[in-house]
């Protein structure tokens, strides 16, 4: 089996940086022992202008068959004993080559390069050539799999016998891929799609293959138009595993879709020329404003109430001054996505000790929320029915009572600036209401007065002189006075009497 990866460069950014990215020196020919043969890495050409790395896998068909016996591998057949020894495994790219890629180029597959970290993050002008590739589905399927990923695909069917064209075409193709991609992306595409095109694996597919697929498919598989076919073939058509993988991919897709639905209107901007700098999305500006307010308050222990998929929690974790972060949401699905976003299972012990995700409703008081420096309600209140809002107010301001509370919500007056938003429509289908600046301030002043807080207002996003900012934020700070404490005690007493 044979595969080459080529790139071009300049004297300032030489193509031979490919050697650093692959962790294989261009001046050396290296051999690596595998379970089914030997993998060789060599460089047919290596100059500042152009560099090519080749992976040659020498397969031992006998070892392949012997190791497959009793393990459910696809190496043996029930009908023809000879077929297990006489087959295309040593010659045509398949799952064997994919496993060799992940073994020999493991660091490159993860995008890790200590010597040239900036190059690992940059798209490269890549050319990948596979001279013999089994493609059950033909050239059309090859294009359907690779073109949505940004590749320019050159694919040519191989005739069964060039001397007898009437015999027709074989199931093999010659493949050339060209595109501007990060090397890690390219390797992940190959790792998944080579065995998918072959529609066979040389080893038994177990439950851990789902995790391998999702790791390699991160960032591209959830949105791929051929996602179901890729998942099914990669998992050798094992329905239970395919269903599990599809469910997890759906969670990823929904997370991305939710972000898009919620932020699509928020991220809209006025018309600009191609030469103008790309504007910062409103969602990013909102998180920046929240982080600035939290830092100003001196908070160390923070609640993210209605944390959703954990975007703000992720940003909080980047700042060591926030020593304890709790994300709370009523949706178990959202918390599951947040956990995956944060990579809680792989997080180091020290980092993991700083964060906690809990399920709960803001319609009820919760002892777990008491004693924190600050709480954030980012784009939360508008998702509640107005009659249920007083319950949230007491649960946060009366019962939990953090020193600082940040509340952000859309400014409905700004909606006229969204050209894609029909008149009279809210920004998201789940919004129960959207307030004007006056309505928001009236609510905030009432809550602050009832529970002993001072309140100030911060615009988020461009502050339009006519309609104000797209997002409005209220910063509540507890009043450290006997009068404020007396108000709070009375409010708590009235709440308890009402509950009784």
Protein backbone atom coordinates (compact mmCIF):
# COMPACT_ATOMS: atom_id res chain seq x y z
CA UNK A 1 0.00 0.00 0.00
CA UNK A 2 1.32 3.42 -0.92
CA UNK A 3 0.33 7.02 -0.15
CA UNK A 4 2.13 10.34 -0.62
CA UNK A 5 1.55 13.76 0.93
CA UNK A 6 3.13 16.78 -0.76
CA UNK A 7 3.26 20.49 -0.03
CA UNK A 8 4.96 23.57 -1.45
CA UNK A 9 6.78 26.41 0.25
CA UNK A 10 9.12 29.36 0.04
CA UNK A 11 12.63 30.05 1.40
CA UNK A 12 11.00 31.89 4.33
CA UNK A 13 8.47 29.11 5.01
CA UNK A 14 10.13 26.03 3.50
CA UNK A 15 8.12 23.03 2.38
CA UNK A 16 10.46 20.84 4.43
CA UNK A 17 8.55 22.01 7.52
CA UNK A 18 6.38 19.03 6.58
CA UNK A 19 9.07 16.91 8.25
CA UNK A 20 8.57 18.76 11.55
CA UNK A 21 4.79 18.38 11.31
CA UNK A 22 5.03 14.64 10.62
CA UNK A 23 7.84 14.21 13.19
CA UNK A 24 9.87 12.35 10.54
CA UNK A 25 13.17 13.78 9.25
CA UNK A 26 13.28 14.26 5.44
CA UNK A 27 16.88 13.00 5.26
CA UNK A 28 16.05 9.67 6.89
CA UNK A 29 14.21 6.60 5.71
CA UNK A 30 12.47 5.03 8.69
CA UNK A 31 10.73 1.69 9.22
CA UNK A 32 8.06 0.88 11.80
CA UNK A 33 6.90 -2.60 12.75
CA UNK A 34 3.14 -3.18 12.73
CA UNK A 35 0.95 -6.16 13.55
CA UNK A 36 0.56 -6.98 9.87
CA UNK A 37 3.87 -5.97 8.33
CA UNK A 38 6.24 -3.01 8.13
CA UNK A 39 5.50 0.66 7.50
CA UNK A 40 8.19 2.73 5.79
CA UNK A 41 8.37 6.55 5.75
CA UNK A 42 10.61 8.21 3.16
CA UNK A 43 10.85 11.48 1.26
CA UNK A 44 11.15 11.16 -2.54
CA UNK A 45 11.78 14.92 -2.69
CA UNK A 46 12.62 17.48 -0.02
CA UNK A 47 13.44 21.09 -0.86
CA UNK A 48 12.29 24.50 0.29
CA UNK A 49 10.01 24.71 -2.76
CA UNK A 50 8.44 21.25 -2.60
CA UNK A 51 8.45 18.35 -0.17
CA UNK A 52 6.80 14.92 -0.45
CA UNK A 53 6.44 12.35 2.31
CA UNK A 54 5.59 8.79 1.33
CA UNK A 55 4.09 6.05 3.46
CA UNK A 56 4.71 2.53 2.16
CA UNK A 57 3.06 -0.34 3.99
CA UNK A 58 4.37 -3.84 3.35
CA UNK A 59 1.63 -6.24 4.42
CA UNK A 60 2.15 -9.88 5.30
CA UNK A 61 -1.08 -11.54 4.07
CA UNK A 62 -0.44 -14.68 6.07
CA UNK A 63 0.02 -12.73 9.31
CA UNK A 64 -3.13 -10.80 8.49
CA UNK A 65 -5.20 -13.96 8.18
CA UNK A 66 -3.69 -15.68 11.20
CA UNK A 67 -4.24 -12.69 13.46
CA UNK A 68 -7.81 -12.37 12.21
CA UNK A 69 -8.86 -15.92 13.05
CA UNK A 70 -11.36 -16.11 15.84
CA UNK A 71 -11.62 -12.31 16.15
CA UNK A 72 -14.33 -11.62 13.65
CA UNK A 73 -11.91 -9.99 11.23
CA UNK A 74 -12.74 -9.73 7.56
CA UNK A 75 -9.62 -11.69 6.59
CA UNK A 76 -11.30 -15.12 6.24
CA UNK A 77 -14.15 -16.29 4.07
CA UNK A 78 -16.39 -19.27 4.56
CA UNK A 79 -16.60 -20.27 0.90
CA UNK A 80 -13.05 -20.09 -0.39
CA UNK A 81 -10.08 -20.97 1.77
CA UNK A 82 -7.69 -19.61 -0.85
CA UNK A 83 -9.34 -16.17 -0.79
CA UNK A 84 -7.90 -15.42 2.59
CA UNK A 85 -4.36 -15.69 1.19
CA UNK A 86 -4.93 -14.32 -2.31
CA UNK A 87 -6.55 -10.89 -1.99
CA UNK A 88 -5.91 -7.18 -2.49
CA UNK A 89 -4.83 -6.42 1.07
CA UNK A 90 -1.12 -5.96 0.34
CA UNK A 91 -1.74 -3.56 -2.53
CA UNK A 92 -4.87 -1.39 -2.16
CA UNK A 93 -5.29 1.29 0.49
CA UNK A 94 -7.68 0.19 3.23
CA UNK A 95 -8.12 0.10 6.98
CA UNK A 96 -4.60 -1.34 7.22
CA UNK A 97 -3.19 1.87 5.78
CA UNK A 98 -5.48 3.96 8.00
CA UNK A 99 -4.15 2.21 11.10
CA UNK A 100 -0.58 2.71 9.85
CA UNK A 101 -1.30 6.42 9.41
CA UNK A 102 -2.53 6.73 12.99
CA UNK A 103 0.42 4.73 14.31
CA UNK A 104 3.26 6.34 12.39
CA UNK A 105 1.86 9.90 12.34
CA UNK A 106 0.05 9.90 15.69
CA UNK A 107 1.30 13.34 16.79
CA UNK A 108 0.53 14.88 13.40
CA UNK A 109 -2.96 13.38 13.53
CA UNK A 110 -3.54 15.23 16.81
CA UNK A 111 -2.14 18.46 15.41
CA UNK A 112 0.79 18.47 17.85
CA UNK A 113 4.12 19.97 16.78
CA UNK A 114 6.35 21.50 19.48
CA UNK A 115 9.03 22.48 16.98
CA UNK A 116 6.67 24.38 14.64
CA UNK A 117 3.39 24.93 16.55
CA UNK A 118 2.36 27.85 14.34
CA UNK A 119 2.71 25.69 11.20
CA UNK A 120 0.54 22.98 12.71
CA UNK A 121 -2.29 25.53 12.97
CA UNK A 122 -1.85 26.87 9.45
CA UNK A 123 -3.54 25.53 6.31
CA UNK A 124 -0.99 24.09 3.89
CA UNK A 125 -1.19 23.65 0.14
CA UNK A 126 -1.51 19.85 0.24
CA UNK A 127 -1.57 17.19 -2.45
CA UNK A 128 -2.41 13.62 -1.45
CA UNK A 129 -2.02 10.74 -3.90
CA UNK A 130 -3.24 7.18 -3.46
CA UNK A 131 -2.46 5.08 -6.56
CA UNK A 132 -4.72 2.14 -5.67
CA UNK A 133 -7.85 2.59 -3.59
CA UNK A 134 -10.86 0.26 -3.42
CA UNK A 135 -14.00 2.37 -3.76
CA UNK A 136 -17.28 0.51 -3.38
CA UNK A 137 -19.46 3.17 -4.93
CA UNK A 138 -17.03 4.31 -7.59
CA UNK A 139 -15.68 7.78 -8.39
CA UNK A 140 -19.02 9.44 -7.61
CA UNK A 141 -18.88 8.28 -4.00
CA UNK A 142 -15.26 9.38 -3.69
CA UNK A 143 -16.27 12.89 -4.72
CA UNK A 144 -19.28 12.89 -2.37
CA UNK A 145 -17.03 12.02 0.55
CA UNK A 146 -14.09 14.35 -0.05
CA UNK A 147 -15.47 17.42 -1.85
CA UNK A 148 -17.63 18.65 1.08
CA UNK A 149 -14.42 18.73 3.15
CA UNK A 150 -12.77 21.31 0.90
CA UNK A 151 -10.77 18.99 -1.34
CA UNK A 152 -10.44 19.25 -5.09
CA UNK A 153 -10.85 15.62 -6.12
CA UNK A 154 -9.15 13.94 -9.03
CA UNK A 155 -10.36 10.36 -9.31
CA UNK A 156 -9.82 7.86 -12.11
CA UNK A 157 -11.28 4.38 -12.38
CA UNK A 158 -8.85 1.52 -12.96
CA UNK A 159 -9.76 -0.94 -15.69
CA UNK A 160 -9.89 -4.65 -14.89
CA UNK A 161 -7.44 -5.21 -17.71
CA UNK A 162 -6.21 -2.47 -20.02
CA UNK A 163 -5.76 -5.02 -22.82
CA UNK A 164 -9.40 -6.03 -22.56
CA UNK A 165 -11.41 -2.81 -22.04
CA UNK A 166 -14.63 -4.72 -22.75
CA UNK A 167 -14.24 -6.34 -19.34
CA UNK A 168 -15.16 -2.99 -17.82
CA UNK A 169 -13.87 -1.12 -14.82
CA UNK A 170 -12.73 -2.56 -11.52
CA UNK A 171 -13.76 -1.30 -8.12
CA UNK A 172 -10.38 0.42 -7.76
CA UNK A 173 -9.53 4.06 -8.39
CA UNK A 174 -6.50 6.31 -8.50
CA UNK A 175 -7.05 9.27 -6.19
CA UNK A 176 -5.51 12.73 -6.08
CA UNK A 177 -6.66 15.26 -3.47
CA UNK A 178 -5.62 18.91 -3.50
CA UNK A 179 -6.60 21.60 -1.05
CA UNK A 180 -5.66 24.21 1.56
CA UNK A 181 -6.08 22.37 4.86
CA UNK A 182 -4.27 21.84 8.11
CA UNK A 183 -2.21 18.66 7.98
CA UNK A 184 -4.06 17.20 10.99
CA UNK A 185 -7.38 17.69 9.19
CA UNK A 186 -6.10 15.95 6.08
CA UNK A 187 -4.81 12.96 8.05
CA UNK A 188 -8.11 12.63 9.94
CA UNK A 189 -10.06 12.66 6.68
CA UNK A 190 -7.88 9.86 5.32
CA UNK A 191 -7.97 7.88 8.56
CA UNK A 192 -11.78 7.73 8.47
CA UNK A 193 -12.55 7.65 4.77
CA UNK A 194 -10.01 5.09 3.48
CA UNK A 195 -11.75 2.17 5.24
CA UNK A 196 -15.15 3.72 4.48
CA UNK A 197 -14.46 3.55 0.75
CA UNK A 198 -13.17 0.00 1.09
CA UNK A 199 -16.30 -0.83 3.15
CA UNK A 200 -14.32 -3.39 5.13
CA UNK A 201 -12.02 -3.58 8.12
CA UNK A 202 -9.26 -6.05 8.86
CA UNK A 203 -10.05 -6.22 12.57
CA UNK A 204 -13.05 -6.75 14.82
CA UNK A 205 -15.00 -3.54 15.36
CA UNK A 206 -15.77 -3.03 19.05
CA UNK A 207 -17.41 -0.26 21.05
CA UNK A 208 -14.21 1.79 21.32
CA UNK A 209 -14.36 2.35 17.55
CA UNK A 210 -17.17 4.85 18.17
CA UNK A 211 -14.81 7.01 20.23
CA UNK A 212 -12.11 6.72 17.57
CA UNK A 213 -14.55 7.80 14.88
CA UNK A 214 -15.79 10.81 16.85
CA UNK A 215 -12.28 11.93 17.73
CA UNK A 216 -11.11 11.74 14.13
CA UNK A 217 -14.39 13.22 12.88
CA UNK A 218 -14.39 16.17 15.27
CA UNK A 219 -15.18 19.39 13.46
CA UNK A 220 -16.33 17.84 10.17
CA UNK A 221 -18.30 14.60 10.48
CA UNK A 222 -21.35 15.98 12.30
CA UNK A 223 -22.12 18.28 9.38
CA UNK A 224 -21.08 15.99 6.53
CA UNK A 225 -23.91 15.28 4.04
CA UNK A 226 -22.87 11.60 3.89
CA UNK A 227 -22.61 11.26 7.67
CA UNK A 228 -24.87 8.20 7.93
CA UNK A 229 -23.01 6.25 5.21
CA UNK A 230 -19.62 7.15 6.69
CA UNK A 231 -20.67 6.11 10.18
CA UNK A 232 -22.27 2.86 9.08
CA UNK A 233 -19.35 1.73 6.92
CA UNK A 234 -16.67 2.80 9.39
CA UNK A 235 -18.37 0.71 12.08
CA UNK A 236 -18.73 -2.28 9.71
CA UNK A 237 -22.50 -1.82 9.56
CA UNK A 238 -22.94 -2.81 13.19
CA UNK A 239 -26.28 -1.21 13.87
CA UNK A 240 -25.95 -0.83 17.63
CA UNK A 241 -22.65 1.01 17.30
CA UNK A 242 -23.86 3.04 14.33
CA UNK A 243 -26.93 4.16 16.27
CA UNK A 244 -24.79 5.12 19.25
CA UNK A 245 -22.43 7.13 17.06
CA UNK A 246 -25.29 8.84 15.23
CA UNK A 247 -26.90 9.84 18.52
CA UNK A 248 -23.66 11.38 19.74
CA UNK A 249 -23.13 13.15 16.43
CA UNK A 250 -26.67 14.48 16.64
CA UNK A 251 -25.84 16.01 20.03
CA UNK A 252 -22.85 17.73 18.46
CA UNK A 253 -24.95 18.90 15.51
CA UNK A 254 -27.69 20.22 17.78
CA UNK A 255 -25.14 22.07 19.86
CA UNK A 256 -23.79 23.73 16.73
CA UNK A 257 -27.32 24.31 15.42
CA UNK A 258 -28.44 25.82 18.71
CA UNK A 259 -25.46 28.16 18.64
CA UNK A 260 -26.29 29.09 15.07
CA UNK A 261 -29.99 29.60 15.73
CA UNK A 262 -29.41 31.69 18.80
CA UNK A 263 -26.49 33.63 17.41
CA UNK A 264 -27.46 33.91 13.76
CA UNK A 265 -29.37 37.13 14.30
CA UNK A 266 -27.00 38.32 17.03
CA UNK A 267 -24.02 37.95 14.72
CA UNK A 268 -25.59 39.92 11.86
CA UNK A 269 -23.74 43.11 11.04
CA UNK A 270 -24.20 46.16 8.89
CA UNK A 271 -23.05 45.90 5.30
CA UNK A 272 -19.29 46.17 4.98
CA UNK A 273 -16.79 46.00 2.19
CA UNK A 274 -14.54 43.03 1.63
CA UNK A 275 -11.57 45.08 2.79
CA UNK A 276 -13.03 45.85 6.21
CA UNK A 277 -11.99 43.80 9.20
CA UNK A 278 -14.35 40.94 10.03
CA UNK A 279 -16.58 42.06 12.94
CA UNK A 280 -16.50 40.34 16.31
CA UNK A 281 -19.67 38.23 16.79
CA UNK A 282 -22.07 39.58 19.38
CA UNK A 283 -21.90 36.32 21.34
CA UNK A 284 -18.15 36.87 21.78
CA UNK A 285 -18.66 40.50 22.80
CA UNK A 286 -21.24 39.39 25.33
CA UNK A 287 -18.88 36.90 26.94
CA UNK A 288 -16.12 39.52 26.97
CA UNK A 289 -18.41 42.02 28.72
CA UNK A 290 -19.39 39.41 31.30
CA UNK A 291 -15.76 38.47 31.97
CA UNK A 292 -14.78 42.13 32.35
CA UNK A 293 -17.60 42.72 34.85
CA UNK A 294 -16.67 39.60 36.83
CA UNK A 295 -13.01 40.61 36.99
CA UNK A 296 -13.97 44.12 38.12
CA UNK A 297 -16.13 42.67 40.88
CA UNK A 298 -13.22 40.58 42.19
CA UNK A 299 -15.29 37.40 42.06
CA UNK A 300 -13.49 34.08 42.42
CA UNK A 301 -16.41 31.64 42.83
CA UNK A 302 -18.89 32.03 39.96
CA UNK A 303 -22.26 30.53 39.03
CA UNK A 304 -23.27 30.30 35.36
CA UNK A 305 -27.03 29.89 35.69
CA UNK A 306 -28.58 28.52 32.52
CA UNK A 307 -25.12 27.55 31.25
CA UNK A 308 -26.42 25.80 28.11
CA UNK A 309 -23.63 24.10 26.17
CA UNK A 310 -20.92 25.60 28.38
CA UNK A 311 -19.44 28.34 26.19
CA UNK A 312 -19.09 30.80 29.08
CA UNK A 313 -17.85 28.10 31.47
CA UNK A 314 -15.15 27.30 28.92
CA UNK A 315 -14.01 30.93 28.88
CA UNK A 316 -14.07 31.20 32.67
CA UNK A 317 -11.79 28.17 32.97
CA UNK A 318 -9.13 30.00 30.95
CA UNK A 319 -8.73 32.60 33.72
CA UNK A 320 -7.11 31.23 36.89
CA UNK A 321 -8.61 33.98 39.04
CA UNK A 322 -11.92 32.09 38.86
CA UNK A 323 -11.19 29.32 41.33
CA UNK A 324 -14.61 27.65 41.37
CA UNK A 325 -17.08 27.59 38.48
CA UNK A 326 -20.50 25.97 38.59
CA UNK A 327 -22.64 25.61 35.49
CA UNK A 328 -26.32 24.91 36.10
CA UNK A 329 -28.95 24.10 33.51
CA UNK A 330 -32.35 22.44 33.49
CA UNK A 331 -31.50 20.51 30.31
CA UNK A 332 -29.59 17.25 30.79
CA UNK A 333 -28.83 17.21 27.07
CA UNK A 334 -27.26 20.67 27.25
CA UNK A 335 -25.12 19.59 30.21
CA UNK A 336 -24.00 16.49 28.31
CA UNK A 337 -22.87 18.66 25.41
CA UNK A 338 -21.18 21.07 27.82
CA UNK A 339 -19.27 18.18 29.40
CA UNK A 340 -18.01 17.09 25.99
CA UNK A 341 -17.13 20.64 25.02
CA UNK A 342 -15.08 21.03 28.19
CA UNK A 343 -13.55 17.52 27.79
CA UNK A 344 -14.26 16.81 31.45
CA UNK A 345 -13.27 13.14 31.13
CA UNK A 346 -9.80 14.07 29.91
CA UNK A 347 -9.31 17.14 32.09
CA UNK A 348 -6.41 17.23 34.54
CA UNK A 349 -7.17 16.85 38.23
CA UNK A 350 -6.34 20.45 39.14
CA UNK A 351 -8.45 21.90 36.36
CA UNK A 352 -11.31 19.49 37.03
CA UNK A 353 -11.41 20.59 40.67
CA UNK A 354 -12.35 24.11 39.52
CA UNK A 355 -15.49 23.21 37.55
CA UNK A 356 -18.77 21.45 38.19
CA UNK A 357 -21.88 20.98 36.04
CA UNK A 358 -25.18 20.43 37.86
CA UNK A 359 -28.77 19.94 36.76
CA UNK A 360 -31.39 22.16 38.33
CA UNK A 361 -34.21 24.62 37.78
CA UNK A 362 -34.12 28.33 38.58
CA UNK A 363 -37.83 28.17 39.36
CA UNK A 364 -36.93 26.74 42.79
CA UNK A 365 -34.54 27.71 45.57
CA UNK A 366 -31.41 25.59 45.68
CA UNK A 367 -29.04 25.37 48.65
CA UNK A 368 -26.21 24.38 46.30
CA UNK A 369 -26.17 27.92 44.90
CA UNK A 370 -25.57 29.76 48.17
CA UNK A 371 -22.30 31.39 49.15
CA UNK A 372 -20.92 32.34 45.71
CA UNK A 373 -19.28 35.62 44.78
CA UNK A 374 -21.14 36.12 41.52
CA UNK A 375 -23.87 34.66 39.34
CA UNK A 376 -24.43 35.10 35.63
CA UNK A 377 -27.78 34.93 33.84
CA UNK A 378 -26.69 35.30 30.22
CA UNK A 379 -29.62 35.31 27.76
CA UNK A 380 -31.76 33.34 30.23
CA UNK A 381 -34.68 35.39 31.50
CA UNK A 382 -36.28 35.81 28.06
CA UNK A 383 -36.72 32.03 27.86
CA UNK A 384 -39.10 32.04 30.86
CA UNK A 385 -42.80 32.76 30.83
CA UNK A 386 -43.38 36.08 32.58
CA UNK A 387 -45.50 34.53 35.40
CA UNK A 388 -42.52 32.32 36.32
CA UNK A 389 -40.02 35.18 36.46
CA UNK A 390 -40.69 36.09 40.15
CA UNK A 391 -39.70 32.56 41.16
CA UNK A 392 -36.33 32.98 39.40
CA UNK A 393 -35.89 36.40 40.98
CA UNK A 394 -36.25 35.03 44.49
CA UNK A 395 -34.19 31.87 43.81
CA UNK A 396 -31.24 34.00 42.63
CA UNK A 397 -31.48 37.36 44.41
CA UNK A 398 -33.31 36.30 47.56
CA UNK A 399 -32.11 32.76 48.33
CA UNK A 400 -28.71 32.28 46.63
CA UNK A 401 -27.85 35.97 47.07
CA UNK A 402 -24.39 36.26 45.48
CA UNK A 403 -22.55 39.56 45.93
CA UNK A 404 -22.77 40.28 42.20
CA UNK A 405 -25.39 39.23 39.64
CA UNK A 406 -25.00 39.84 35.90
CA UNK A 407 -28.09 39.66 33.68
CA UNK A 408 -27.98 40.01 29.90
CA UNK A 409 -30.98 40.01 27.59
CA UNK A 410 -31.77 41.18 24.04
CA UNK A 411 -32.78 44.78 23.44
CA UNK A 412 -35.91 44.49 21.29
CA UNK A 413 -35.49 48.06 20.02
CA UNK A 414 -32.35 46.98 18.18
CA UNK A 415 -34.23 44.32 16.21
CA UNK A 416 -35.02 46.82 13.46
CA UNK A 417 -31.31 46.78 12.59
CA UNK A 418 -31.42 43.05 11.69
CA UNK A 419 -32.28 43.01 8.01
CA UNK A 420 -32.97 39.26 8.08
CA UNK A 421 -35.41 39.44 11.02
CA UNK A 422 -39.07 39.90 9.96
CA UNK A 423 -40.89 42.74 11.72
CA UNK A 424 -42.57 41.66 14.93
CA UNK A 425 -40.50 38.47 15.30
CA UNK A 426 -38.26 37.69 18.26
CA UNK A 427 -34.64 36.68 17.71
CA UNK A 428 -35.11 33.06 18.76
CA UNK A 429 -38.14 30.80 18.59
CA UNK A 430 -37.93 29.99 22.31
CA UNK A 431 -37.96 33.60 23.50
CA UNK A 432 -41.12 34.30 25.52
CA UNK A 433 -40.51 38.04 25.45
CA UNK A 434 -37.92 40.64 24.51
CA UNK A 435 -37.78 43.94 26.41
CA UNK A 436 -37.09 47.51 25.50
CA UNK A 437 -34.41 49.34 27.45
CA UNK A 438 -37.06 51.04 29.60
CA UNK A 439 -38.83 47.73 30.33
CA UNK A 440 -35.56 46.06 31.30
CA UNK A 441 -34.55 48.93 33.59
CA UNK A 442 -37.97 48.97 35.24
CA UNK A 443 -37.68 45.25 36.00
CA UNK A 444 -34.07 45.56 37.20
CA UNK A 445 -34.82 48.51 39.51
CA UNK A 446 -37.75 46.64 41.05
CA UNK A 447 -35.66 43.49 41.65
CA UNK A 448 -32.75 45.51 43.07
CA UNK A 449 -35.00 47.47 45.43
CA UNK A 450 -36.81 44.37 46.66
CA UNK A 451 -33.68 42.35 47.43
CA UNK A 452 -31.18 44.98 48.54
CA UNK A 453 -28.99 45.45 45.46
CA UNK A 454 -27.66 48.43 43.57
CA UNK A 455 -27.80 48.17 39.80
CA UNK A 456 -25.98 49.72 36.86
CA UNK A 457 -26.28 49.12 33.13
CA UNK A 458 -23.68 48.21 30.52
CA UNK A 459 -24.29 48.24 26.74
CA UNK A 460 -23.03 45.16 24.86
CA UNK A 461 -22.27 45.52 21.17
CA UNK A 462 -22.48 48.68 19.06
CA UNK A 463 -24.48 51.31 20.98
CA UNK A 464 -26.79 52.76 18.33
CA UNK A 465 -27.72 56.40 19.14
CA UNK A 466 -31.35 55.74 18.20
CA UNK A 467 -32.15 52.19 19.33
CA UNK A 468 -29.35 51.41 21.79
CA UNK A 469 -27.14 48.28 21.91
CA UNK A 470 -28.20 44.84 20.64
CA UNK A 471 -27.70 43.35 24.13
CA UNK A 472 -28.35 45.05 27.45
CA UNK A 473 -26.62 43.99 30.65
CA UNK A 474 -27.50 44.84 34.24
CA UNK A 475 -24.84 44.54 36.93
CA UNK A 476 -26.39 44.03 40.37
CA UNK A 477 -24.21 44.58 43.45
CA UNK A 478 -25.45 43.71 46.93
CA UNK A 479 -25.92 46.60 49.36
CA UNK A 480 -23.83 45.93 52.45
CA UNK A 481 -26.02 47.94 54.82
CA UNK A 482 -28.27 47.00 57.76
CA UNK A 483 -31.25 48.34 55.82
CA UNK A 484 -30.51 46.06 52.90
CA UNK A 485 -30.11 43.07 55.18
CA UNK A 486 -33.42 43.88 56.86
CA UNK A 487 -35.15 44.01 53.47
CA UNK A 488 -33.72 40.63 52.57
CA UNK A 489 -34.77 39.05 55.84
CA UNK A 490 -38.31 40.33 55.38
CA UNK A 491 -38.43 39.04 51.82
CA UNK A 492 -37.22 35.61 52.90
CA UNK A 493 -39.73 35.50 55.74
CA UNK A 494 -42.58 36.44 53.39
CA UNK A 495 -41.45 33.75 50.92
CA UNK A 496 -41.40 31.08 53.64
CA UNK A 497 -44.86 32.10 54.88
CA UNK A 498 -46.19 31.96 51.32
CA UNK A 499 -44.70 28.49 50.85
CA UNK A 500 -46.22 27.28 54.12
